[in-house]
Amino acid sequence: MDLKNYIRNVLDFPKKGINFFDITTLLKDKDAFKVTCDLIYDNYKNIKIDKIVAPESRGFILGSVLAYKLNAGFVPVRKPGKLPAEKISKSYSLEYGTNTIEIHKDAILKGEKVLIHDDLLATGGTIKALIDLVEELGGEVVGLSFLIELSFLKGRSILNGYNIHSLLVYDSE
């Protein structure tokens, strides 16, 4: 099954000049969704993982399924003002602006093995910020998991030293 056939490209979203890779078309197809979940799980099933950390909102979808299948905890990372308890935050750049993410201070315990999952690796800013937050809390990042990688944006370049797995790689827009 070629999963790229289930990804919709939306031009000029969220702003002019951006080609948005829409995963909702993959998620709505039960067979493509199952294959996607199973393939990502297969890459990590033999690694000890205590927590899956995923940013909102699309990272939550496969991140929570992955946590369930790996018998790990799930930690949502949110935009400012969405988490109710004590938190830490980190600002970062993305391909079309800047953003800030937050994580609860008690989400990761010192020494826990953490897999970070998101739907997309573009410039790497979101994931680098997530790595910084996890490591600040004492977690050990054992891998970075993505459904899609836009290799032409060179996000891997700021994630050196981490085990990166991308299910689908796009070499050009």
Protein backbone atom coordinates (compact mmCIF):
# COMPACT_ATOMS: atom_id res chain seq x y z
CA MET A 1 0.00 0.00 0.00
CA ASP A 2 1.50 3.32 -1.04
CA LEU A 3 0.51 5.58 1.84
CA LYS A 4 1.53 8.69 -0.08
CA ASN A 5 -1.58 8.12 -2.20
CA TYR A 6 -3.65 8.91 0.91
CA ILE A 7 -2.02 12.28 1.64
CA ARG A 8 -3.76 15.34 0.20
CA ASN A 9 -1.72 18.39 -0.83
CA VAL A 10 -3.40 21.72 -0.14
CA LEU A 11 -1.75 24.71 -1.79
CA ASP A 12 -1.45 28.04 0.01
CA PHE A 13 -2.41 26.76 3.47
CA PRO A 14 -2.11 28.03 6.16
CA LYS A 15 -0.75 30.95 4.14
CA LYS A 16 0.21 31.72 0.55
CA GLY A 17 3.28 29.83 -0.62
CA ILE A 18 2.91 26.88 1.78
CA ASN A 19 2.09 23.42 0.42
CA PHE A 20 0.21 21.68 3.26
CA PHE A 21 0.43 17.89 3.47
CA ASP A 22 -3.01 16.95 4.83
CA ILE A 23 -3.14 13.61 6.70
CA THR A 24 -6.91 13.66 7.31
CA THR A 25 -7.39 11.80 4.04
CA LEU A 26 -5.14 9.01 5.33
CA LEU A 27 -6.79 8.95 8.76
CA LYS A 28 -10.31 8.56 7.35
CA ASP A 29 -9.37 5.39 5.44
CA LYS A 30 -9.52 2.49 7.92
CA ASP A 31 -7.01 0.35 6.03
CA ALA A 32 -4.47 3.13 5.48
CA PHE A 33 -4.83 4.24 9.10
CA LYS A 34 -4.25 0.70 10.40
CA VAL A 35 -1.24 0.12 8.13
CA THR A 36 0.23 3.47 9.23
CA CYS A 37 -0.19 2.68 12.94
CA ASP A 38 1.23 -0.82 12.53
CA LEU A 39 4.28 0.34 10.55
CA ILE A 40 5.19 3.02 13.08
CA TYR A 41 4.64 0.59 15.97
CA ASP A 42 6.82 -2.06 14.29
CA ASN A 43 9.75 0.36 14.28
CA TYR A 44 9.62 0.79 18.10
CA LYS A 45 8.12 -2.43 19.48
CA ASN A 46 11.49 -3.76 20.68
CA ILE A 47 12.65 -0.55 22.38
CA LYS A 48 11.93 0.26 26.02
CA ILE A 49 9.78 3.38 26.00
CA ASP A 50 8.15 4.87 29.08
CA LYS A 51 6.40 7.86 27.51
CA ILE A 52 5.27 9.09 24.11
CA VAL A 53 5.40 12.88 23.87
CA ALA A 54 3.45 14.52 21.05
CA PRO A 55 2.54 18.10 20.17
CA GLU A 56 -0.96 19.26 19.36
CA SER A 57 -2.87 18.66 17.42
CA ARG A 58 -2.07 16.10 14.76
CA GLY A 59 0.76 14.58 16.79
CA PHE A 60 -1.87 13.50 19.33
CA ILE A 61 -3.60 11.18 16.87
CA LEU A 62 -0.87 8.68 16.10
CA GLY A 63 1.06 9.48 19.29
CA SER A 64 -1.75 8.24 21.50
CA VAL A 65 -2.24 5.10 19.39
CA LEU A 66 1.50 4.46 19.60
CA ALA A 67 1.48 4.91 23.38
CA TYR A 68 -1.35 2.41 23.69
CA LYS A 69 0.34 -0.17 21.46
CA LEU A 70 3.71 0.25 23.23
CA ASN A 71 2.16 0.17 26.72
CA ALA A 72 3.62 3.61 27.42
CA GLY A 73 2.23 6.78 28.93
CA PHE A 74 1.09 9.59 26.66
CA VAL A 75 2.15 13.21 27.24
CA PRO A 76 0.39 15.95 25.28
CA VAL A 77 2.37 19.09 24.53
CA ARG A 78 0.15 22.11 24.03
CA LYS A 79 0.10 25.70 22.88
CA PRO A 80 0.16 28.34 25.66
CA GLY A 81 -2.81 28.51 27.99
CA LYS A 82 -4.11 24.98 27.36
CA LEU A 83 -2.47 23.04 30.21
CA PRO A 84 -3.98 23.55 33.68
CA ALA A 85 -1.09 22.66 36.02
CA GLU A 86 2.47 23.94 36.52
CA LYS A 87 4.35 23.87 33.23
CA ILE A 88 7.48 24.87 31.36
CA SER A 89 7.53 26.37 27.87
CA LYS A 90 9.76 26.86 24.86
CA SER A 91 9.44 29.16 21.85
CA TYR A 92 10.66 28.19 18.39
CA SER A 93 10.55 29.10 14.70
CA LEU A 94 8.64 27.23 12.05
CA GLU A 95 8.56 27.50 8.28
CA TYR A 96 5.85 30.19 8.37
CA GLY A 97 6.28 32.00 11.71
CA THR A 98 6.97 31.37 15.39
CA ASN A 99 5.19 29.46 18.12
CA THR A 100 5.47 28.37 21.76
CA ILE A 101 4.74 24.99 23.32
CA GLU A 102 4.21 23.92 26.93
CA ILE A 103 4.49 20.69 28.90
CA HIS A 104 3.46 19.92 32.47
CA LYS A 105 6.44 19.94 34.86
CA ASP A 106 5.42 16.54 36.23
CA ALA A 107 4.89 14.89 32.81
CA ILE A 108 8.34 13.30 32.56
CA LEU A 109 10.30 11.74 35.40
CA LYS A 110 14.09 11.82 35.52
CA GLY A 111 15.53 8.94 33.51
CA GLU A 112 12.34 8.01 31.65
CA LYS A 113 12.81 6.81 28.08
CA VAL A 114 10.84 9.11 25.77
CA LEU A 115 9.79 8.76 22.16
CA ILE A 116 8.70 12.01 20.52
CA HIS A 117 6.11 11.63 17.77
CA ASP A 118 4.65 14.18 15.38
CA ASP A 119 2.83 14.02 12.08
CA LEU A 120 5.42 16.09 10.23
CA LEU A 121 9.11 16.93 10.24
CA ALA A 122 9.62 20.17 8.32
CA THR A 123 12.24 22.65 9.58
CA GLY A 124 12.63 20.78 12.89
CA GLY A 125 11.81 23.74 15.14
CA THR A 126 8.87 22.13 16.94
CA ILE A 127 10.74 18.91 17.60
CA LYS A 128 13.92 20.67 18.76
CA ALA A 129 11.80 22.63 21.25
CA LEU A 130 10.17 19.37 22.41
CA ILE A 131 13.57 17.72 22.86
CA ASP A 132 14.72 20.68 24.97
CA LEU A 133 11.60 20.43 27.18
CA VAL A 134 11.90 16.65 27.65
CA GLU A 135 15.59 16.87 28.49
CA GLU A 136 15.02 19.81 30.85
CA LEU A 137 12.62 17.55 32.78
CA GLY A 138 15.24 14.77 32.91
CA GLY A 139 13.86 12.49 30.21
CA GLU A 140 16.04 10.58 27.76
CA VAL A 141 14.92 10.96 24.15
CA VAL A 142 15.28 7.49 22.57
CA GLY A 143 13.75 8.39 19.22
CA LEU A 144 11.95 10.86 17.00
CA SER A 145 9.03 9.46 15.02
CA PHE A 146 7.25 11.13 12.11
CA LEU A 147 4.53 10.14 9.71
CA ILE A 148 5.87 12.57 7.08
CA GLU A 149 9.26 14.17 6.55
CA LEU A 150 9.75 17.05 4.13
CA SER A 151 13.45 16.38 3.54
CA PHE A 152 13.82 19.43 1.26
CA LEU A 153 13.32 21.64 4.35
CA LYS A 154 16.32 19.97 6.06
CA GLY A 155 14.76 19.59 9.52
CA ARG A 156 17.11 16.70 10.33
CA SER A 157 20.01 19.12 10.32
CA ILE A 158 19.08 20.54 13.75
CA LEU A 159 18.27 17.10 15.20
CA ASN A 160 21.75 15.55 14.96
CA GLY A 161 22.47 12.73 17.39
CA TYR A 162 18.87 11.49 17.63
CA ASN A 163 17.39 8.32 16.15
CA ILE A 164 14.93 9.59 13.52
CA HIS A 165 12.31 7.47 11.76
CA SER A 166 10.03 8.94 9.11
CA LEU A 167 7.42 6.71 7.54
CA LEU A 168 6.96 8.84 4.40
CA VAL A 169 9.64 11.12 2.96
CA TYR A 170 8.99 13.85 0.40
CA ASP A 171 12.14 15.08 -1.37
CA SER A 172 10.46 18.05 -3.05
CA GLU A 173 7.33 20.16 -2.81
